[in-house]
Amino acid sequence: MDLEPAHASLIHRSPSRAGWSRRAFLGTSFAAVATGLLAACGAPAPSAGPTTAAPGGNAPAQAATSAAVVARPAQSTGELKLAIDAEFPATLDATKNAYQLVRLGLAETLTRLTPQMKLVPWLAKEVNNVDPTTWRVSLRPNAKFWDGTPVTAQDIQAAFQANWAAYPAAGGLLSKDTQIKVVDPTTLEFKTPDPIGNFANVISAQFFAIHKNGTTMTGPYKPANLAVGQELDSEAFAEHWDGPPPLAKLTIRLVTDANARVLALRSGDVDLVYGVPPQAARSVGGEFTINTVSSGREDYMVVNHRRLPFSDKAVREATALGIDRTALLTIGLAGQGSVATGMFPPDQGVQNVDMQSSDPAKAKQVLDAAGWIPGPDGVRAKDGQRLSFQLLTAPARTEWTPMAVAIQSQLQTLGYDIQIEQVKNIGDQLAQNQDFDIAMYSANMLVTGDPLYIFNQTLAKGGPANYGGYSSPQLETTLGSLRAEADAAKRQALAVQAQEIVKADSPNVYILVVPFIAGNSNKVKGYTLHPNDLYIVDNQISVAG
């Protein structure tokens, strides 16, 4: 797609670094971009049209090019009705629901990832590395909040301080002891207590959404009404820094029932569905467009390390070996997506260590060697403890419960006794109650395009989604080195080293890489399905007529 001159973007880098993919960058020295790291003069917007395959580009850990910008009408017109499957905001406060507010077009961060998984400026105009502990950020001079006031360096400083207070996980990515200096109204410097190797990626995380007092943000759409758990009505923000968005009105409905979402599309109640069930994707067709993209999201099982049986490493290892992922792919996702061999999808640019595979015979050997012996009823036991536990599932993801039933059957043949319990919300359940054995779970493994994020969230000591209480001093040391390292080759090696530690411990059971599937009527224009579900609504979607 051609670039409009008014929106042409420029990345400052050495001549040898032109056109980086994430995979290429990870194997290249950081020294080449020690200054002038990220810059843009216009909107780093996605290219027009739906994506129908896995993105060919891979995001760099530190620098990237901006995506092409699509011509838009000078005035916002029309209404889009969108149905989504989950992650609906409970409030319009960015200090409480930042993930949901970014993905629905309300909040913005300083940098972001494009649909090609390229890291680009967003509210920032430039991000420069001054020295190992100093980063300078220049803001877009025309950026405004919804109340019409300019976005200043002082506002960014206040937003970061509020976000550190609101989100403990933010400090795991960027230390809350970081000093933020206002240089001038559109320039600020971040002075970190220790070197940080992935600053430009870190500030794309939802934890660092920019806001004023929590509820006044900068996105292309601003909320008109929120019916919690039902509907969000938004309207165009005419003073958005990239110009008025195409739509005058955006109605987003939470429809948790997969079949109901498809019916709503077929009946014309909605124009776009985010979260078409794989089983229905092939049957919708006709006058509708179905888009599928390989994503960074994985389904896996969280295990409780605080008590038996999963405090025993042999049980964790055998469980990972005992499940048939290929069968689960068919049962849960109608064959779409792929089996997960480790923490990262194979086609998103981060080097994945193969750490888990399906081998029921080996699973039996592991259990036998660890003293888990089959009893008269076929259920294994060790020191009077039966290999019996409860597997939690929830309706949030349609594949979870069918997969849970299949896992129950697969592991029964190995001497397991599993009971399945469905809860309302897995995340809430695990966050509020440590009294569980194992649970179905799903996570975006590459929110920032950098592997450190998911380690911090799910495996680091005290991580907000480390529900199983996993702890490894060796991993903590490696993650500390990864946070500080700027050299790309060394950074890649540390990420691999961290995965090798996880491979040895089997802290979770990784199952499937989930595809993102969306369906829309032909009146929808300019929609690009993003492989990162932090981004759903952008300022390119429009409707014809």
Protein backbone atom coordinates (compact mmCIF):
# COMPACT_ATOMS: atom_id res chain seq x y z
CA MET A 1 0.00 0.00 0.00
CA ASP A 2 1.40 3.42 -0.99
CA LEU A 3 2.29 5.86 1.73
CA GLU A 4 0.58 9.20 1.75
CA PRO A 5 3.23 11.94 1.90
CA ALA A 6 1.54 13.51 4.90
CA HIS A 7 1.97 10.29 6.85
CA ALA A 8 5.32 9.02 5.62
CA SER A 9 7.27 7.38 8.42
CA LEU A 10 11.00 7.20 9.02
CA ILE A 11 13.10 4.96 11.22
CA HIS A 12 16.53 6.27 12.20
CA ARG A 13 19.04 3.44 11.99
CA SER A 14 22.38 2.60 10.44
CA PRO A 15 22.35 1.78 6.69
CA SER A 16 23.10 -1.87 7.42
CA ARG A 17 19.86 -2.25 9.37
CA ALA A 18 17.30 -1.48 6.68
CA GLY A 19 14.17 -3.60 6.72
CA TRP A 20 14.64 -5.61 9.90
CA SER A 21 12.49 -8.57 10.80
CA ARG A 22 12.36 -9.62 14.45
CA ARG A 23 14.17 -12.84 13.62
CA ALA A 24 16.93 -10.95 11.82
CA PHE A 25 17.24 -8.41 14.59
CA LEU A 26 17.60 -11.00 17.31
CA GLY A 27 20.76 -12.23 15.69
CA THR A 28 22.28 -8.77 15.21
CA SER A 29 24.19 -6.41 17.48
CA PHE A 30 22.25 -3.74 19.32
CA ALA A 31 25.18 -1.34 18.94
CA ALA A 32 24.10 -0.37 15.44
CA VAL A 33 21.01 1.34 16.84
CA ALA A 34 22.35 2.77 20.08
CA THR A 35 20.93 6.14 19.06
CA GLY A 36 18.04 7.25 16.87
CA LEU A 37 16.19 4.03 17.59
CA LEU A 38 12.58 4.60 16.64
CA ALA A 39 10.99 7.51 14.84
CA ALA A 40 7.83 8.34 12.93
CA CYS A 41 6.19 11.37 11.39
CA GLY A 42 2.79 9.84 10.84
CA ALA A 43 0.47 7.05 11.79
CA PRO A 44 1.93 3.56 12.17
CA ALA A 45 -1.34 2.12 11.00
CA PRO A 46 -2.05 -1.34 9.62
CA SER A 47 -2.29 -1.90 5.92
CA ALA A 48 -5.74 -2.10 4.42
CA GLY A 49 -7.71 -5.25 3.81
CA PRO A 50 -8.14 -8.43 5.81
CA THR A 51 -5.22 -10.72 6.44
CA THR A 52 -5.73 -14.32 5.45
CA ALA A 53 -2.52 -15.96 6.57
CA ALA A 54 0.20 -15.80 9.16
CA PRO A 55 2.14 -12.53 9.03
CA GLY A 56 5.25 -12.84 6.98
CA GLY A 57 7.18 -10.20 8.91
CA ASN A 58 8.58 -10.64 12.38
CA ALA A 59 8.90 -7.88 14.95
CA PRO A 60 12.30 -6.81 16.11
CA ALA A 61 12.96 -6.67 19.81
CA GLN A 62 14.11 -3.06 19.51
CA ALA A 63 13.35 -1.38 16.20
CA ALA A 64 11.05 -1.66 13.22
CA THR A 65 9.51 0.14 10.32
CA SER A 66 6.12 1.79 10.34
CA ALA A 67 3.28 0.21 8.41
CA ALA A 68 1.59 1.81 5.45
CA VAL A 69 -1.21 4.27 6.05
CA VAL A 70 -4.55 4.01 4.30
CA ALA A 71 -6.30 7.08 2.93
CA ARG A 72 -9.36 7.94 4.98
CA PRO A 73 -12.28 10.33 4.53
CA ALA A 74 -11.86 13.76 6.13
CA GLN A 75 -15.05 13.26 8.12
CA SER A 76 -16.22 10.37 10.29
CA THR A 77 -19.34 8.64 8.95
CA GLY A 78 -21.34 5.49 9.49
CA GLU A 79 -21.60 2.97 12.30
CA LEU A 80 -19.87 -0.37 12.81
CA LYS A 81 -21.40 -3.03 15.03
CA LEU A 82 -18.79 -5.42 16.41
CA ALA A 83 -19.27 -8.55 18.53
CA ILE A 84 -16.34 -9.81 20.61
CA ASP A 85 -15.92 -13.01 22.57
CA ALA A 86 -14.15 -11.93 25.77
CA GLU A 87 -11.99 -9.30 27.51
CA PHE A 88 -14.78 -6.76 27.91
CA PRO A 89 -14.01 -3.73 30.07
CA ALA A 90 -15.57 -3.57 33.51
CA THR A 91 -14.72 0.13 33.77
CA LEU A 92 -13.44 2.91 31.54
CA ASP A 93 -10.47 3.48 33.83
CA ALA A 94 -7.07 2.79 32.24
CA THR A 95 -5.58 2.06 35.66
CA LYS A 96 -7.95 -0.91 35.95
CA ASN A 97 -8.77 -2.18 32.45
CA ALA A 98 -5.91 -1.05 30.22
CA TYR A 99 -5.75 -4.23 28.11
CA GLN A 100 -9.40 -3.97 27.15
CA LEU A 101 -9.23 -0.23 26.51
CA VAL A 102 -6.23 -0.49 24.20
CA ARG A 103 -7.72 -3.35 22.19
CA LEU A 104 -11.02 -1.52 21.68
CA GLY A 105 -9.54 1.70 20.30
CA LEU A 106 -9.81 3.91 23.39
CA ALA A 107 -6.29 3.95 24.83
CA GLU A 108 -2.87 4.24 23.20
CA THR A 109 0.69 3.57 24.33
CA LEU A 110 3.94 5.25 23.29
CA THR A 111 4.83 2.42 20.88
CA ARG A 112 2.87 -0.44 19.38
CA LEU A 113 3.08 -3.51 17.17
CA THR A 114 1.66 -3.52 13.65
CA PRO A 115 -0.20 -6.51 12.14
CA GLN A 116 3.15 -7.50 10.65
CA MET A 117 4.49 -7.55 14.25
CA LYS A 118 6.71 -4.55 13.59
CA LEU A 119 7.45 -2.26 16.50
CA VAL A 120 6.57 1.34 15.61
CA PRO A 121 5.98 4.67 17.37
CA TRP A 122 2.41 5.47 18.40
CA LEU A 123 1.95 8.44 20.73
CA ALA A 124 5.71 8.77 20.63
CA LYS A 125 7.32 10.43 17.63
CA GLU A 126 10.79 9.15 18.48
CA VAL A 127 12.40 6.80 20.99
CA ASN A 128 16.18 7.14 21.36
CA ASN A 129 18.67 5.24 23.48
CA VAL A 130 21.05 7.83 24.96
CA ASP A 131 23.12 5.44 27.08
CA PRO A 132 22.54 2.02 28.72
CA THR A 133 20.24 3.51 31.38
CA THR A 134 18.80 6.56 29.59
CA TRP A 135 16.04 6.65 27.00
CA ARG A 136 14.68 9.83 25.41
CA VAL A 137 11.10 9.92 24.14
CA SER A 138 9.78 12.67 21.88
CA LEU A 139 5.99 12.99 21.61
CA ARG A 140 3.81 13.75 18.64
CA PRO A 141 3.29 17.52 18.88
CA ASN A 142 -0.34 17.32 17.77
CA ALA A 143 -1.46 14.54 20.14
CA LYS A 144 -4.45 15.48 22.29
CA PHE A 145 -6.55 13.98 25.03
CA TRP A 146 -10.30 13.60 24.55
CA ASP A 147 -10.83 16.86 26.47
CA GLY A 148 -8.87 18.73 23.79
CA THR A 149 -5.78 19.42 25.89
CA PRO A 150 -2.37 18.54 24.44
CA VAL A 151 -0.51 15.42 25.52
CA THR A 152 2.57 16.76 27.29
CA ALA A 153 5.68 15.18 28.73
CA GLN A 154 4.33 15.98 32.18
CA ASP A 155 1.15 14.02 31.35
CA ILE A 156 3.24 11.02 30.29
CA GLN A 157 5.20 11.23 33.52
CA ALA A 158 1.98 11.30 35.56
CA ALA A 159 0.46 8.40 33.60
CA PHE A 160 3.50 6.19 34.14
CA GLN A 161 3.52 6.93 37.86
CA ALA A 162 -0.19 6.12 38.12
CA ASN A 163 0.28 2.92 36.12
CA TRP A 164 3.14 1.73 38.31
CA ALA A 165 0.90 2.22 41.33
CA ALA A 166 -2.04 0.44 39.67
CA TYR A 167 -0.26 -2.50 38.02
CA PRO A 168 2.38 -4.37 40.06
CA ALA A 169 3.32 -6.26 36.88
CA ALA A 170 4.41 -2.99 35.27
CA GLY A 171 7.38 -2.83 37.60
CA GLY A 172 8.56 -6.22 36.37
CA LEU A 173 8.93 -4.78 32.88
CA LEU A 174 10.16 -1.28 33.74
CA SER A 175 11.29 -0.57 37.30
CA LYS A 176 9.04 1.80 39.23
CA ASP A 177 12.27 3.36 40.50
CA THR A 178 12.87 4.71 37.00
CA GLN A 179 13.30 8.49 37.09
CA ILE A 180 11.31 10.38 34.49
CA LYS A 181 12.63 13.83 33.63
CA VAL A 182 10.55 16.35 31.70
CA VAL A 183 12.97 17.94 29.22
CA ASP A 184 10.44 20.16 27.47
CA PRO A 185 6.68 19.97 26.78
CA THR A 186 7.09 17.18 24.20
CA THR A 187 10.29 15.48 25.37
CA LEU A 188 11.09 13.35 28.39
CA GLU A 189 13.90 11.10 29.53
CA PHE A 190 13.61 7.78 31.34
CA LYS A 191 16.56 7.03 33.62
CA THR A 192 16.39 3.39 34.70
CA PRO A 193 18.17 2.13 37.83
CA ASP A 194 19.73 -0.66 35.76
CA PRO A 195 20.26 -1.15 32.03
CA ILE A 196 17.14 -2.31 30.18
CA GLY A 197 17.55 -3.96 26.82
CA ASN A 198 14.00 -3.85 25.47
CA PHE A 199 12.67 -0.44 26.53
CA ALA A 200 10.96 0.31 23.21
CA ASN A 201 9.03 -2.97 23.43
CA VAL A 202 8.23 -2.53 27.11
CA ILE A 203 6.47 0.80 26.63
CA SER A 204 4.09 -0.85 24.16
CA ALA A 205 2.61 -2.95 26.98
CA GLN A 206 -0.94 -2.17 28.08
CA PHE A 207 0.38 -1.38 31.56
CA PHE A 208 1.76 1.85 30.13
CA ALA A 209 -1.39 3.12 28.39
CA ILE A 210 -1.44 6.91 28.41
CA HIS A 211 -4.26 8.66 30.22
CA LYS A 212 -5.12 11.64 32.35
CA ASN A 213 -6.67 10.79 35.71
CA GLY A 214 -7.42 7.26 34.49
CA THR A 215 -10.42 7.98 32.30
CA THR A 216 -9.34 10.62 29.77
CA MET A 217 -7.38 8.96 26.98
CA THR A 218 -6.16 9.61 23.44
CA GLY A 219 -7.56 6.88 21.18
CA PRO A 220 -9.42 7.49 17.91
CA TYR A 221 -12.69 6.57 19.62
CA LYS A 222 -14.04 7.85 22.90
CA PRO A 223 -16.77 6.16 24.96
CA ALA A 224 -20.32 7.45 24.96
CA ASN A 225 -21.84 4.69 27.12
CA LEU A 226 -20.75 1.47 28.79
CA ALA A 227 -23.20 -1.22 29.85
CA VAL A 228 -20.87 -3.50 31.80
CA GLY A 229 -20.82 -7.02 30.44
CA GLN A 230 -23.05 -6.06 27.52
CA GLU A 231 -22.19 -3.16 25.25
CA LEU A 232 -19.75 -0.31 24.72
CA ASP A 233 -20.86 2.60 22.55
CA SER A 234 -18.06 4.81 21.27
CA GLU A 235 -17.92 7.83 19.00
CA ALA A 236 -15.24 9.37 16.82
CA PHE A 237 -12.63 11.58 18.45
CA ALA A 238 -12.39 14.31 15.81
CA GLU A 239 -9.18 15.80 17.24
CA HIS A 240 -7.21 12.56 17.17
CA TRP A 241 -3.57 13.19 16.26
CA ASP A 242 -3.94 11.16 13.04
CA GLY A 243 -7.15 12.88 12.02
CA PRO A 244 -10.80 11.87 12.48
CA PRO A 245 -11.30 8.09 12.33
CA PRO A 246 -13.53 6.72 9.54
CA LEU A 247 -16.45 5.72 11.77
CA ALA A 248 -18.78 8.18 13.44
CA LYS A 249 -20.01 5.50 15.83
CA LEU A 250 -18.71 2.16 17.03
CA THR A 251 -20.92 -0.29 18.93
CA ILE A 252 -19.12 -3.20 20.58
CA ARG A 253 -21.14 -6.03 22.10
CA LEU A 254 -19.94 -8.81 24.35
CA VAL A 255 -21.38 -12.08 23.04
CA THR A 256 -19.84 -14.96 24.97
CA ASP A 257 -21.81 -17.69 23.20
CA ALA A 258 -19.93 -18.67 20.04
CA ASN A 259 -23.00 -19.75 18.11
CA ALA A 260 -24.79 -16.53 19.04
CA ARG A 261 -21.91 -14.51 17.58
CA VAL A 262 -22.17 -16.34 14.27
CA LEU A 263 -25.96 -15.96 14.20
CA ALA A 264 -25.61 -12.24 14.89
CA LEU A 265 -23.36 -11.90 11.85
CA ARG A 266 -25.65 -13.92 9.61
CA SER A 267 -28.72 -11.98 10.69
CA GLY A 268 -27.09 -8.60 10.21
CA ASP A 269 -27.25 -7.68 13.89
CA VAL A 270 -23.49 -7.11 13.74
CA ASP A 271 -21.12 -6.28 10.91
CA LEU A 272 -17.98 -7.85 12.34
CA VAL A 273 -17.36 -10.77 14.69
CA TYR A 274 -14.07 -11.14 16.53
CA GLY A 275 -13.86 -14.75 17.67
CA VAL A 276 -15.57 -16.93 15.07
CA PRO A 277 -15.38 -20.50 16.43
CA PRO A 278 -13.12 -22.70 14.27
CA GLN A 279 -15.92 -25.24 13.85
CA ALA A 280 -18.10 -22.58 12.21
CA ALA A 281 -15.46 -20.79 10.14
CA ARG A 282 -15.92 -22.92 7.04
CA SER A 283 -19.71 -22.82 7.16
CA VAL A 284 -20.24 -19.06 7.32
CA GLY A 285 -18.89 -18.12 3.88
CA GLY A 286 -21.26 -16.74 1.29
CA GLU A 287 -21.60 -12.99 1.51
CA PHE A 288 -19.25 -12.88 4.50
CA THR A 289 -15.48 -12.72 4.65
CA ILE A 290 -13.72 -15.06 7.09
CA ASN A 291 -10.17 -14.10 8.08
CA THR A 292 -7.74 -16.31 9.97
CA VAL A 293 -4.34 -15.35 11.29
CA SER A 294 -1.73 -17.31 13.20
CA SER A 295 -1.44 -15.68 16.61
CA GLY A 296 0.81 -15.35 19.61
CA ARG A 297 -1.81 -16.87 21.93
CA GLU A 298 -1.49 -20.34 23.44
CA ASP A 299 -3.82 -22.58 25.40
CA TYR A 300 -2.07 -24.32 28.27
CA MET A 301 -2.70 -25.80 31.69
CA VAL A 302 -1.61 -24.00 34.85
CA VAL A 303 -0.59 -26.44 37.60
CA ASN A 304 -0.42 -25.78 41.34
CA HIS A 305 3.15 -26.25 42.57
CA ARG A 306 2.13 -25.74 46.21
CA ARG A 307 0.69 -29.22 46.73
CA LEU A 308 0.56 -32.76 45.43
CA PRO A 309 0.31 -34.19 42.91
CA PHE A 310 1.81 -31.35 40.84
CA SER A 311 4.44 -30.38 43.37
CA ASP A 312 6.04 -33.59 42.08
CA LYS A 313 7.99 -32.75 38.93
CA ALA A 314 7.45 -36.29 37.61
CA VAL A 315 3.68 -35.75 37.53
CA ARG A 316 4.08 -32.46 35.67
CA GLU A 317 6.43 -34.05 33.15
CA ALA A 318 4.22 -37.11 32.67
CA THR A 319 1.11 -34.97 32.21
CA ALA A 320 2.84 -32.99 29.47
CA LEU A 321 3.91 -36.25 27.81
CA GLY A 322 0.59 -38.01 28.27
CA ILE A 323 -1.73 -35.70 26.35
CA ASP A 324 -2.28 -36.12 22.61
CA ARG A 325 -2.01 -32.56 21.27
CA THR A 326 -2.83 -33.52 17.70
CA ALA A 327 -6.12 -35.02 18.83
CA LEU A 328 -6.80 -31.97 21.00
CA LEU A 329 -6.20 -29.71 18.00
CA THR A 330 -8.97 -31.51 16.14
CA ILE A 331 -11.30 -31.67 19.13
CA GLY A 332 -10.82 -28.11 20.32
CA LEU A 333 -10.02 -26.11 17.20
CA ALA A 334 -11.31 -28.23 14.32
CA GLY A 335 -7.73 -28.72 13.17
CA GLN A 336 -6.98 -25.00 12.90
CA GLY A 337 -4.01 -23.50 14.71
CA SER A 338 -1.14 -25.80 15.66
CA VAL A 339 0.18 -27.90 18.52
CA ALA A 340 2.35 -26.04 21.03
CA THR A 341 5.79 -27.52 21.58
CA GLY A 342 6.85 -24.80 23.98
CA MET A 343 6.20 -21.29 25.19
CA PHE A 344 6.20 -19.49 21.85
CA PRO A 345 4.43 -20.08 18.54
CA PRO A 346 6.86 -21.12 15.82
CA ASP A 347 5.94 -18.39 13.33
CA GLN A 348 5.98 -15.21 15.42
CA GLY A 349 9.70 -14.52 15.23
CA VAL A 350 10.85 -15.48 18.73
CA GLN A 351 13.09 -18.55 18.86
CA ASN A 352 11.07 -21.32 20.50
CA VAL A 353 12.66 -24.16 22.44
CA ASP A 354 10.84 -27.45 21.89
CA MET A 355 10.19 -28.51 25.45
CA GLN A 356 7.10 -30.73 25.46
CA SER A 357 5.82 -33.48 23.18
CA SER A 358 3.27 -36.29 23.25
CA ASP A 359 4.67 -39.68 24.31
CA PRO A 360 2.28 -41.73 26.52
CA ALA A 361 4.73 -44.64 26.79
CA LYS A 362 7.40 -42.36 28.19
CA ALA A 363 4.82 -40.79 30.52
CA LYS A 364 4.22 -44.22 32.07
CA GLN A 365 7.95 -44.74 32.49
CA VAL A 366 8.35 -41.37 34.24
CA LEU A 367 5.53 -42.15 36.66
CA ASP A 368 6.79 -45.67 37.34
CA ALA A 369 10.30 -44.41 38.06
CA ALA A 370 8.97 -41.76 40.44
CA GLY A 371 7.01 -44.33 42.46
CA TRP A 372 3.51 -43.62 41.15
CA ILE A 373 2.27 -47.21 40.94
CA PRO A 374 -1.13 -48.34 39.55
CA GLY A 375 -3.54 -49.62 42.20
CA PRO A 376 -6.25 -52.32 41.94
CA ASP A 377 -8.63 -49.79 40.36
CA GLY A 378 -6.02 -48.68 37.83
CA VAL A 379 -5.40 -45.32 39.50
CA ARG A 380 -1.79 -44.65 40.39
CA ALA A 381 -0.72 -43.76 43.91
CA LYS A 382 2.46 -42.84 45.77
CA ASP A 383 2.87 -42.96 49.56
CA GLY A 384 -0.90 -43.14 49.96
CA GLN A 385 -1.54 -40.15 47.64
CA ARG A 386 -3.73 -41.10 44.67
CA LEU A 387 -3.05 -39.51 41.30
CA SER A 388 -6.45 -37.86 41.53
CA PHE A 389 -7.19 -34.18 41.01
CA GLN A 390 -9.64 -31.61 39.70
CA LEU A 391 -9.25 -29.89 36.32
CA LEU A 392 -10.87 -26.45 36.09
CA THR A 393 -12.33 -25.13 32.87
CA ALA A 394 -14.56 -22.19 31.90
CA PRO A 395 -16.83 -21.10 29.04
CA ALA A 396 -14.63 -18.12 28.05
CA ARG A 397 -12.92 -20.17 25.35
CA THR A 398 -15.10 -22.65 23.50
CA GLU A 399 -12.27 -25.16 23.05
CA TRP A 400 -11.43 -25.53 26.74
CA THR A 401 -14.18 -27.83 27.96
CA PRO A 402 -14.08 -30.27 25.01
CA MET A 403 -10.32 -30.44 25.43
CA ALA A 404 -10.66 -30.96 29.18
CA VAL A 405 -12.95 -33.93 28.59
CA ALA A 406 -10.49 -35.37 26.07
CA ILE A 407 -7.56 -34.85 28.44
CA GLN A 408 -9.51 -36.63 31.17
CA SER A 409 -9.90 -39.63 28.88
CA GLN A 410 -6.33 -39.58 27.55
CA LEU A 411 -4.75 -39.49 31.00
CA GLN A 412 -7.15 -42.05 32.48
CA THR A 413 -5.41 -44.72 30.42
CA LEU A 414 -2.14 -43.76 32.15
CA GLY A 415 -3.55 -44.16 35.65
CA TYR A 416 -4.95 -40.70 36.35
CA ASP A 417 -8.29 -39.97 38.04
CA ILE A 418 -9.50 -36.53 36.90
CA GLN A 419 -12.67 -34.67 37.81
CA ILE A 420 -13.71 -31.70 35.68
CA GLU A 421 -15.25 -28.58 37.19
CA GLN A 422 -16.43 -25.59 35.19
CA VAL A 423 -16.09 -22.16 36.80
CA LYS A 424 -17.36 -18.79 35.62
CA ASN A 425 -14.00 -17.10 35.07
CA ILE A 426 -10.64 -18.88 35.22
CA GLY A 427 -8.57 -15.75 35.78
CA ASP A 428 -10.71 -14.52 38.65
CA GLN A 429 -10.88 -18.00 40.17
CA LEU A 430 -7.12 -18.51 40.18
CA ALA A 431 -6.33 -14.97 41.31
CA GLN A 432 -8.68 -15.21 44.28
CA ASN A 433 -8.12 -18.79 45.36
CA GLN A 434 -4.95 -20.91 45.50
CA ASP A 435 -7.03 -23.98 46.32
CA PHE A 436 -6.85 -25.67 42.92
CA ASP A 437 -4.95 -28.49 41.24
CA ILE A 438 -4.78 -27.70 37.53
CA ALA A 439 -6.68 -25.34 35.23
CA MET A 440 -7.17 -24.61 31.56
CA TYR A 441 -5.70 -21.22 30.69
CA SER A 442 -4.82 -19.06 27.71
CA ALA A 443 -2.32 -16.25 27.29
CA ASN A 444 -0.98 -13.90 24.67
CA MET A 445 2.67 -14.94 24.76
CA LEU A 446 3.98 -11.94 22.80
CA VAL A 447 2.05 -8.88 23.97
CA THR A 448 5.09 -6.64 23.46
CA GLY A 449 6.74 -8.72 20.74
CA ASP A 450 9.48 -9.61 23.21
CA PRO A 451 9.78 -12.90 25.16
CA LEU A 452 10.49 -11.27 28.53
CA TYR A 453 6.85 -10.21 28.93
CA ILE A 454 5.37 -13.69 29.32
CA PHE A 455 8.16 -14.83 31.62
CA ASN A 456 7.41 -11.87 33.89
CA GLN A 457 3.69 -12.54 33.82
CA THR A 458 3.47 -16.31 34.23
CA LEU A 459 6.75 -17.72 35.56
CA ALA A 460 8.65 -15.02 37.46
CA LYS A 461 8.31 -15.06 41.23
CA GLY A 462 5.29 -12.93 42.12
CA GLY A 463 4.17 -12.64 38.49
CA PRO A 464 0.49 -11.64 38.25
CA ALA A 465 -0.41 -14.75 36.23
CA ASN A 466 1.97 -17.11 38.02
CA TYR A 467 -1.08 -18.71 39.61
CA GLY A 468 0.66 -21.99 40.32
CA GLY A 469 3.31 -20.41 42.52
CA TYR A 470 6.24 -21.62 40.41
CA SER A 471 9.62 -20.39 41.61
CA SER A 472 13.10 -20.99 40.24
CA PRO A 473 16.16 -19.07 41.50
CA GLN A 474 17.98 -20.10 38.33
CA LEU A 475 15.23 -18.63 36.16
CA GLU A 476 15.14 -15.42 38.23
CA THR A 477 18.86 -14.93 37.65
CA THR A 478 18.51 -15.53 33.92
CA LEU A 479 15.54 -13.15 33.63
CA GLY A 480 17.51 -10.49 35.46
CA SER A 481 20.24 -10.80 32.85
CA LEU A 482 17.66 -10.75 30.05
CA ARG A 483 16.11 -7.52 31.34
CA ALA A 484 19.46 -5.77 31.29
CA GLU A 485 20.98 -7.16 28.11
CA ALA A 486 21.03 -4.92 25.03
CA ASP A 487 23.16 -7.01 22.68
CA ALA A 488 20.75 -8.84 20.40
CA ALA A 489 22.71 -12.08 20.07
CA LYS A 490 23.25 -12.31 23.82
CA ARG A 491 19.61 -11.44 24.41
CA GLN A 492 18.52 -14.27 22.15
CA ALA A 493 20.82 -16.69 23.95
CA LEU A 494 19.39 -15.65 27.33
CA ALA A 495 15.82 -16.15 26.12
CA VAL A 496 16.76 -19.64 24.96
CA GLN A 497 18.51 -20.30 28.28
CA ALA A 498 15.36 -19.27 30.17
CA GLN A 499 13.29 -21.65 28.06
CA GLU A 500 15.72 -24.49 28.75
CA ILE A 501 15.15 -23.95 32.48
CA VAL A 502 11.41 -24.11 31.90
CA LYS A 503 11.87 -27.25 29.82
CA ALA A 504 13.66 -28.96 32.70
CA ASP A 505 11.01 -27.99 35.27
CA SER A 506 7.75 -28.43 33.27
CA PRO A 507 6.02 -25.68 35.30
CA ASN A 508 3.01 -25.59 32.95
CA VAL A 509 1.59 -27.89 30.28
CA TYR A 510 1.55 -26.16 26.88
CA ILE A 511 -1.10 -27.47 24.51
CA LEU A 512 -2.10 -25.48 21.41
CA VAL A 513 -1.36 -22.32 19.45
CA VAL A 514 -4.73 -20.65 18.94
CA PRO A 515 -5.63 -18.99 15.62
CA PHE A 516 -7.56 -15.74 15.56
CA ILE A 517 -10.64 -15.91 13.34
CA ALA A 518 -12.89 -13.00 12.44
CA GLY A 519 -15.87 -12.71 10.13
CA ASN A 520 -17.36 -9.62 8.57
CA SER A 521 -19.99 -8.52 6.12
CA ASN A 522 -18.80 -7.09 2.84
CA LYS A 523 -19.73 -3.57 3.91
CA VAL A 524 -16.73 -3.58 6.27
CA LYS A 525 -13.63 -2.02 4.73
CA GLY A 526 -10.05 -1.52 5.88
CA TYR A 527 -10.13 -4.21 8.55
CA THR A 528 -6.92 -6.09 9.35
CA LEU A 529 -6.96 -9.03 11.74
CA HIS A 530 -3.99 -8.61 14.07
CA PRO A 531 -1.97 -11.61 15.35
CA ASN A 532 -1.76 -9.85 18.72
CA ASP A 533 -5.12 -9.56 20.47
CA LEU A 534 -4.05 -6.41 22.28
CA TYR A 535 -5.19 -4.77 19.05
CA ILE A 536 -8.69 -5.20 17.63
CA VAL A 537 -10.05 -1.73 16.82
CA ASP A 538 -7.86 0.74 14.94
CA ASN A 539 -8.41 3.95 13.01
CA GLN A 540 -8.63 2.22 9.63
CA ILE A 541 -11.90 0.27 9.90
CA SER A 542 -14.81 1.76 7.97
CA VAL A 543 -18.17 0.75 6.53
CA ALA A 544 -19.40 1.27 2.98
CA GLY A 545 -22.59 3.12 2.29
